[in-house]
Amino acid sequence: MPAASGAERDPEITAIGDFPLLVNDPDAVDRTVRAFRDRFGADRVIDPGPVTGSEDVGEIATAAGVPICYWIFGGTDSDTFKAALKAGTADRDIPSNHSAEFAPVIDPTLGTGITAMVTAALTWLGP
């Protein structure tokens, strides 16, 4: 490590906090994904596999004793995203929401996000 940064010694690292893992409840995921596929179409709902999630959402669900289904949705121009997927560079070329380069396309991202939230809420709270 020191050679890479030119430092004379290894850094001293002190952990000041941690959070539990966010683990989605399989039944909650299944129920929510079915609702999203019904609303948006199966071709617009994908499983990205394991991702680094929110550090606080798992804490909230654990404290409340409720199942969790953490989802993400895209905000990148569709053609840009498809090209990055095809090139195998999506992890490098598509900025995440914590990047200074993150700039979602407002339309349809905002409407899709609102629709997803309402769909999920009605799936769990509706009649």
N, C-alpha and C. Protein backbone atom coordinates (compact mmCIF):
# COMPACT_ATOMS: atom_id res chain seq x y z
N MET A 1 0.81 -1.20 0.00
CA MET A 1 0.00 0.00 0.00
C MET A 1 0.86 1.26 0.00
N PRO A 2 1.87 1.39 0.84
CA PRO A 2 2.65 2.64 0.85
C PRO A 2 3.31 2.93 -0.49
N ALA A 3 3.77 1.91 -1.19
CA ALA A 3 4.46 2.14 -2.46
C ALA A 3 3.54 2.80 -3.48
N ALA A 4 2.27 2.48 -3.46
CA ALA A 4 1.33 3.03 -4.43
C ALA A 4 1.10 4.52 -4.20
N SER A 5 1.17 4.96 -2.96
CA SER A 5 0.87 6.36 -2.67
C SER A 5 2.10 7.17 -2.31
N GLY A 6 3.24 6.52 -2.20
CA GLY A 6 4.45 7.22 -1.83
C GLY A 6 4.57 7.45 -0.33
N ALA A 7 3.64 6.87 0.44
CA ALA A 7 3.70 7.04 1.90
C ALA A 7 4.85 6.21 2.46
N GLU A 8 5.36 6.63 3.60
CA GLU A 8 6.49 5.94 4.22
C GLU A 8 6.06 4.73 5.05
N ARG A 9 4.76 4.64 5.40
CA ARG A 9 4.28 3.51 6.20
C ARG A 9 2.83 3.22 5.84
N ASP A 10 2.35 2.04 6.23
CA ASP A 10 0.95 1.69 6.00
C ASP A 10 0.04 2.65 6.77
N PRO A 11 -1.14 2.92 6.24
CA PRO A 11 -2.07 3.80 6.95
C PRO A 11 -2.64 3.12 8.19
N GLU A 12 -3.00 3.93 9.16
CA GLU A 12 -3.73 3.42 10.33
C GLU A 12 -5.21 3.62 10.05
N ILE A 13 -5.97 2.54 10.12
CA ILE A 13 -7.39 2.61 9.81
C ILE A 13 -8.17 2.21 11.05
N THR A 14 -9.08 3.08 11.47
CA THR A 14 -9.94 2.81 12.61
C THR A 14 -11.38 2.87 12.17
N ALA A 15 -12.08 1.76 12.31
CA ALA A 15 -13.50 1.73 11.97
C ALA A 15 -14.27 2.56 12.99
N ILE A 16 -15.15 3.43 12.51
CA ILE A 16 -15.93 4.27 13.42
C ILE A 16 -17.42 3.92 13.39
N GLY A 17 -17.79 2.98 12.56
CA GLY A 17 -19.19 2.57 12.50
C GLY A 17 -19.38 1.49 11.46
N ASP A 18 -20.48 0.79 11.58
CA ASP A 18 -20.81 -0.21 10.59
C ASP A 18 -22.31 -0.42 10.57
N PHE A 19 -22.76 -1.09 9.55
CA PHE A 19 -24.18 -1.34 9.38
C PHE A 19 -24.36 -2.82 9.05
N PRO A 20 -25.52 -3.38 9.42
CA PRO A 20 -25.76 -4.79 9.07
C PRO A 20 -25.96 -4.91 7.56
N LEU A 21 -25.77 -6.11 7.06
CA LEU A 21 -26.02 -6.37 5.66
C LEU A 21 -27.49 -6.15 5.34
N LEU A 22 -27.75 -5.68 4.16
CA LEU A 22 -29.11 -5.56 3.67
C LEU A 22 -29.41 -6.87 2.93
N VAL A 23 -30.34 -7.63 3.44
CA VAL A 23 -30.70 -8.91 2.82
C VAL A 23 -32.18 -8.86 2.47
N ASN A 24 -32.45 -8.88 1.18
CA ASN A 24 -33.83 -8.87 0.72
C ASN A 24 -34.58 -10.11 1.17
N ASP A 25 -35.83 -9.93 1.55
CA ASP A 25 -36.71 -11.04 1.90
C ASP A 25 -37.20 -11.67 0.59
N PRO A 26 -36.94 -12.95 0.37
CA PRO A 26 -37.30 -13.59 -0.92
C PRO A 26 -38.78 -13.46 -1.27
N ASP A 27 -39.67 -13.61 -0.29
CA ASP A 27 -41.11 -13.49 -0.58
C ASP A 27 -41.49 -12.06 -0.94
N ALA A 28 -40.88 -11.10 -0.26
CA ALA A 28 -41.16 -9.69 -0.56
C ALA A 28 -40.66 -9.33 -1.96
N VAL A 29 -39.49 -9.86 -2.31
CA VAL A 29 -38.95 -9.62 -3.65
C VAL A 29 -39.88 -10.21 -4.70
N ASP A 30 -40.29 -11.46 -4.50
CA ASP A 30 -41.16 -12.12 -5.47
C ASP A 30 -42.46 -11.34 -5.67
N ARG A 31 -43.06 -10.93 -4.58
CA ARG A 31 -44.33 -10.20 -4.64
C ARG A 31 -44.16 -8.85 -5.35
N THR A 32 -43.10 -8.15 -5.04
CA THR A 32 -42.88 -6.83 -5.63
C THR A 32 -42.47 -6.95 -7.09
N VAL A 33 -41.63 -7.90 -7.42
CA VAL A 33 -41.22 -8.10 -8.82
C VAL A 33 -42.42 -8.47 -9.69
N ARG A 34 -43.29 -9.32 -9.17
CA ARG A 34 -44.51 -9.67 -9.94
C ARG A 34 -45.34 -8.42 -10.23
N ALA A 35 -45.47 -7.55 -9.23
CA ALA A 35 -46.24 -6.31 -9.43
C ALA A 35 -45.56 -5.41 -10.46
N PHE A 36 -44.24 -5.30 -10.40
CA PHE A 36 -43.51 -4.48 -11.37
C PHE A 36 -43.64 -5.05 -12.79
N ARG A 37 -43.53 -6.37 -12.91
CA ARG A 37 -43.66 -6.98 -14.23
C ARG A 37 -45.06 -6.79 -14.79
N ASP A 38 -46.07 -6.89 -13.93
CA ASP A 38 -47.44 -6.65 -14.38
C ASP A 38 -47.61 -5.21 -14.85
N ARG A 39 -46.99 -4.28 -14.15
CA ARG A 39 -47.15 -2.85 -14.46
C ARG A 39 -46.29 -2.40 -15.63
N PHE A 40 -45.02 -2.80 -15.65
CA PHE A 40 -44.07 -2.29 -16.64
C PHE A 40 -43.80 -3.25 -17.80
N GLY A 41 -44.11 -4.53 -17.62
CA GLY A 41 -43.76 -5.55 -18.60
C GLY A 41 -42.50 -6.28 -18.17
N ALA A 42 -42.48 -7.58 -18.41
CA ALA A 42 -41.36 -8.41 -17.97
C ALA A 42 -40.03 -7.97 -18.57
N ASP A 43 -40.06 -7.43 -19.79
CA ASP A 43 -38.82 -7.03 -20.45
C ASP A 43 -38.19 -5.78 -19.82
N ARG A 44 -38.92 -5.07 -18.99
CA ARG A 44 -38.39 -3.86 -18.35
C ARG A 44 -38.00 -4.07 -16.90
N VAL A 45 -38.12 -5.31 -16.40
CA VAL A 45 -37.77 -5.62 -15.01
C VAL A 45 -36.69 -6.69 -15.05
N ILE A 46 -35.50 -6.33 -14.60
CA ILE A 46 -34.38 -7.28 -14.64
C ILE A 46 -33.80 -7.45 -13.24
N ASP A 47 -33.13 -8.55 -13.04
CA ASP A 47 -32.42 -8.81 -11.79
C ASP A 47 -30.95 -8.50 -12.04
N PRO A 48 -30.42 -7.44 -11.43
CA PRO A 48 -29.02 -7.09 -11.67
C PRO A 48 -28.03 -7.97 -10.92
N GLY A 49 -28.55 -8.88 -10.10
CA GLY A 49 -27.67 -9.69 -9.26
C GLY A 49 -27.28 -8.90 -8.01
N PRO A 50 -26.37 -9.43 -7.24
CA PRO A 50 -25.97 -8.72 -6.01
C PRO A 50 -25.36 -7.35 -6.33
N VAL A 51 -25.78 -6.37 -5.58
CA VAL A 51 -25.25 -5.01 -5.72
C VAL A 51 -24.98 -4.45 -4.33
N THR A 52 -24.15 -3.45 -4.28
CA THR A 52 -23.98 -2.77 -3.01
C THR A 52 -25.21 -1.90 -2.82
N GLY A 53 -25.88 -2.10 -1.73
CA GLY A 53 -27.14 -1.40 -1.51
C GLY A 53 -27.00 -0.26 -0.53
N SER A 54 -28.09 0.18 -0.06
CA SER A 54 -28.14 1.28 0.89
C SER A 54 -27.73 0.80 2.27
N GLU A 55 -26.92 1.57 2.94
CA GLU A 55 -26.46 1.16 4.26
C GLU A 55 -27.52 1.37 5.34
N ASP A 56 -28.48 2.22 5.10
CA ASP A 56 -29.45 2.50 6.16
C ASP A 56 -30.78 1.76 6.01
N VAL A 57 -31.14 1.37 4.81
CA VAL A 57 -32.44 0.74 4.61
C VAL A 57 -32.54 -0.59 5.35
N GLY A 58 -31.48 -1.38 5.31
CA GLY A 58 -31.48 -2.64 6.04
C GLY A 58 -31.63 -2.44 7.53
N GLU A 59 -31.03 -1.39 8.05
CA GLU A 59 -31.13 -1.05 9.47
C GLU A 59 -32.58 -0.73 9.84
N ILE A 60 -33.25 0.03 8.99
CA ILE A 60 -34.63 0.43 9.25
C ILE A 60 -35.54 -0.80 9.25
N ALA A 61 -35.41 -1.65 8.24
CA ALA A 61 -36.26 -2.84 8.15
C ALA A 61 -36.01 -3.78 9.33
N THR A 62 -34.74 -3.96 9.69
CA THR A 62 -34.40 -4.82 10.82
C THR A 62 -35.01 -4.28 12.10
N ALA A 63 -34.87 -2.99 12.34
CA ALA A 63 -35.41 -2.37 13.56
C ALA A 63 -36.93 -2.46 13.61
N ALA A 64 -37.57 -2.34 12.45
CA ALA A 64 -39.03 -2.39 12.40
C ALA A 64 -39.56 -3.82 12.38
N GLY A 65 -38.67 -4.79 12.15
CA GLY A 65 -39.10 -6.18 12.09
C GLY A 65 -39.97 -6.48 10.88
N VAL A 66 -39.67 -5.84 9.76
CA VAL A 66 -40.46 -6.02 8.55
C VAL A 66 -39.59 -6.55 7.42
N PRO A 67 -40.21 -7.23 6.45
CA PRO A 67 -39.44 -7.72 5.30
C PRO A 67 -39.00 -6.54 4.44
N ILE A 68 -37.91 -6.75 3.70
CA ILE A 68 -37.42 -5.68 2.85
C ILE A 68 -37.26 -6.17 1.42
N CYS A 69 -37.56 -5.29 0.50
CA CYS A 69 -37.30 -5.51 -0.91
C CYS A 69 -36.67 -4.23 -1.44
N TYR A 70 -35.36 -4.25 -1.55
CA TYR A 70 -34.61 -3.09 -2.05
C TYR A 70 -34.48 -3.22 -3.55
N TRP A 71 -34.95 -2.22 -4.29
CA TRP A 71 -34.84 -2.28 -5.73
C TRP A 71 -34.15 -1.03 -6.25
N ILE A 72 -33.69 -1.12 -7.46
CA ILE A 72 -33.07 0.02 -8.13
C ILE A 72 -33.75 0.17 -9.48
N PHE A 73 -33.72 1.37 -10.02
CA PHE A 73 -34.20 1.54 -11.38
C PHE A 73 -33.27 2.49 -12.10
N GLY A 74 -33.20 2.31 -13.40
CA GLY A 74 -32.26 3.08 -14.20
C GLY A 74 -32.74 4.48 -14.50
N GLY A 75 -31.79 5.33 -14.79
CA GLY A 75 -32.10 6.70 -15.18
C GLY A 75 -31.23 7.15 -16.33
N THR A 76 -30.51 6.19 -16.91
CA THR A 76 -29.61 6.48 -18.02
C THR A 76 -30.36 6.37 -19.34
N ASP A 77 -29.98 7.17 -20.29
CA ASP A 77 -30.53 7.07 -21.63
C ASP A 77 -30.48 5.61 -22.08
N SER A 78 -31.58 5.11 -22.61
CA SER A 78 -31.72 3.70 -22.96
C SER A 78 -30.65 3.24 -23.96
N ASP A 79 -30.39 4.04 -24.99
CA ASP A 79 -29.39 3.65 -25.99
C ASP A 79 -27.99 3.60 -25.39
N THR A 80 -27.68 4.56 -24.52
CA THR A 80 -26.38 4.59 -23.84
C THR A 80 -26.21 3.37 -22.97
N PHE A 81 -27.26 3.01 -22.25
CA PHE A 81 -27.21 1.85 -21.35
C PHE A 81 -27.03 0.56 -22.15
N LYS A 82 -27.82 0.41 -23.20
CA LYS A 82 -27.72 -0.80 -24.03
C LYS A 82 -26.33 -0.95 -24.65
N ALA A 83 -25.75 0.16 -25.10
CA ALA A 83 -24.41 0.12 -25.70
C ALA A 83 -23.37 -0.29 -24.66
N ALA A 84 -23.49 0.23 -23.45
CA ALA A 84 -22.55 -0.13 -22.38
C ALA A 84 -22.70 -1.59 -21.99
N LEU A 85 -23.94 -2.09 -21.95
CA LEU A 85 -24.16 -3.50 -21.66
C LEU A 85 -23.53 -4.38 -22.74
N LYS A 86 -23.77 -4.01 -23.98
CA LYS A 86 -23.24 -4.79 -25.10
C LYS A 86 -21.71 -4.81 -25.07
N ALA A 87 -21.11 -3.68 -24.70
CA ALA A 87 -19.65 -3.58 -24.66
C ALA A 87 -19.07 -4.19 -23.38
N GLY A 88 -19.95 -4.52 -22.43
CA GLY A 88 -19.48 -5.06 -21.15
C GLY A 88 -18.83 -4.01 -20.27
N THR A 89 -19.23 -2.75 -20.47
CA THR A 89 -18.61 -1.66 -19.72
C THR A 89 -19.59 -0.87 -18.86
N ALA A 90 -20.76 -1.45 -18.61
CA ALA A 90 -21.78 -0.72 -17.85
C ALA A 90 -21.27 -0.32 -16.47
N ASP A 91 -20.51 -1.21 -15.81
CA ASP A 91 -20.01 -0.88 -14.47
C ASP A 91 -19.03 0.29 -14.51
N ARG A 92 -18.42 0.54 -15.63
CA ARG A 92 -17.47 1.64 -15.76
C ARG A 92 -18.09 2.88 -16.41
N ASP A 93 -18.98 2.67 -17.39
CA ASP A 93 -19.49 3.78 -18.18
C ASP A 93 -20.81 4.38 -17.71
N ILE A 94 -21.51 3.68 -16.83
CA ILE A 94 -22.80 4.18 -16.34
C ILE A 94 -22.60 4.65 -14.90
N PRO A 95 -22.62 5.97 -14.68
CA PRO A 95 -22.38 6.49 -13.33
C PRO A 95 -23.49 6.11 -12.36
N SER A 96 -23.12 5.76 -11.14
CA SER A 96 -24.11 5.44 -10.10
C SER A 96 -24.60 6.74 -9.47
N ASN A 97 -25.61 6.61 -8.63
CA ASN A 97 -26.20 7.82 -8.04
C ASN A 97 -25.28 8.56 -7.07
N HIS A 98 -24.16 7.99 -6.68
CA HIS A 98 -23.21 8.69 -5.81
C HIS A 98 -22.06 9.30 -6.59
N SER A 99 -22.09 9.19 -7.90
CA SER A 99 -21.04 9.74 -8.76
C SER A 99 -21.32 11.20 -9.10
N ALA A 100 -20.26 11.97 -9.23
CA ALA A 100 -20.41 13.36 -9.68
C ALA A 100 -20.90 13.42 -11.12
N GLU A 101 -20.75 12.31 -11.85
CA GLU A 101 -21.18 12.23 -13.24
C GLU A 101 -22.63 11.76 -13.40
N PHE A 102 -23.29 11.44 -12.29
CA PHE A 102 -24.66 10.94 -12.34
C PHE A 102 -25.59 12.05 -12.80
N ALA A 103 -26.31 11.81 -13.88
CA ALA A 103 -27.25 12.79 -14.41
C ALA A 103 -28.39 12.04 -15.08
N PRO A 104 -29.38 11.59 -14.30
CA PRO A 104 -30.46 10.81 -14.90
C PRO A 104 -31.25 11.63 -15.92
N VAL A 105 -31.76 10.93 -16.92
CA VAL A 105 -32.66 11.54 -17.88
C VAL A 105 -33.98 11.77 -17.14
N ILE A 106 -34.38 13.01 -17.03
CA ILE A 106 -35.56 13.33 -16.21
C ILE A 106 -36.82 12.60 -16.69
N ASP A 107 -37.04 12.61 -18.00
CA ASP A 107 -38.20 11.93 -18.55
C ASP A 107 -37.70 10.75 -19.38
N PRO A 108 -37.95 9.55 -18.99
CA PRO A 108 -39.03 9.04 -18.14
C PRO A 108 -38.62 8.65 -16.72
N THR A 109 -37.40 8.98 -16.28
CA THR A 109 -36.94 8.49 -14.98
C THR A 109 -37.85 8.90 -13.84
N LEU A 110 -38.22 10.17 -13.78
CA LEU A 110 -39.05 10.65 -12.68
C LEU A 110 -40.41 9.95 -12.67
N GLY A 111 -41.05 9.89 -13.82
CA GLY A 111 -42.35 9.22 -13.89
C GLY A 111 -42.27 7.73 -13.57
N THR A 112 -41.21 7.07 -14.04
CA THR A 112 -41.04 5.65 -13.76
C THR A 112 -40.81 5.42 -12.27
N GLY A 113 -40.00 6.28 -11.66
CA GLY A 113 -39.75 6.15 -10.23
C GLY A 113 -41.02 6.33 -9.41
N ILE A 114 -41.80 7.31 -9.76
CA ILE A 114 -43.07 7.55 -9.05
C ILE A 114 -44.01 6.36 -9.25
N THR A 115 -44.11 5.89 -10.48
CA THR A 115 -44.98 4.75 -10.77
C THR A 115 -44.53 3.50 -10.02
N ALA A 116 -43.22 3.28 -9.96
CA ALA A 116 -42.69 2.12 -9.23
C ALA A 116 -43.03 2.22 -7.75
N MET A 117 -42.85 3.38 -7.17
CA MET A 117 -43.14 3.55 -5.75
C MET A 117 -44.63 3.34 -5.46
N VAL A 118 -45.48 3.91 -6.28
CA VAL A 118 -46.93 3.73 -6.09
C VAL A 118 -47.32 2.27 -6.30
N THR A 119 -46.75 1.63 -7.32
CA THR A 119 -47.04 0.22 -7.58
C THR A 119 -46.66 -0.64 -6.39
N ALA A 120 -45.46 -0.43 -5.86
CA ALA A 120 -45.01 -1.21 -4.71
C ALA A 120 -45.89 -0.92 -3.49
N ALA A 121 -46.19 0.34 -3.26
CA ALA A 121 -47.02 0.70 -2.10
C ALA A 121 -48.39 0.05 -2.19
N LEU A 122 -49.02 0.11 -3.36
CA LEU A 122 -50.34 -0.50 -3.51
C LEU A 122 -50.28 -2.02 -3.40
N THR A 123 -49.16 -2.60 -3.81
CA THR A 123 -49.00 -4.06 -3.70
C THR A 123 -49.02 -4.48 -2.23
N TRP A 124 -48.46 -3.66 -1.37
CA TRP A 124 -48.37 -4.00 0.04
C TRP A 124 -49.48 -3.39 0.88
N LEU A 125 -50.00 -2.25 0.47
CA LEU A 125 -50.98 -1.55 1.30
C LEU A 125 -52.39 -1.56 0.71
N GLY A 126 -52.50 -1.91 -0.56
CA GLY A 126 -53.79 -1.86 -1.24
C GLY A 126 -54.74 -2.96 -0.79
N PRO A 127 -55.94 -2.92 -1.36
CA PRO A 127 -56.97 -3.91 -0.97
C PRO A 127 -56.59 -5.32 -1.35
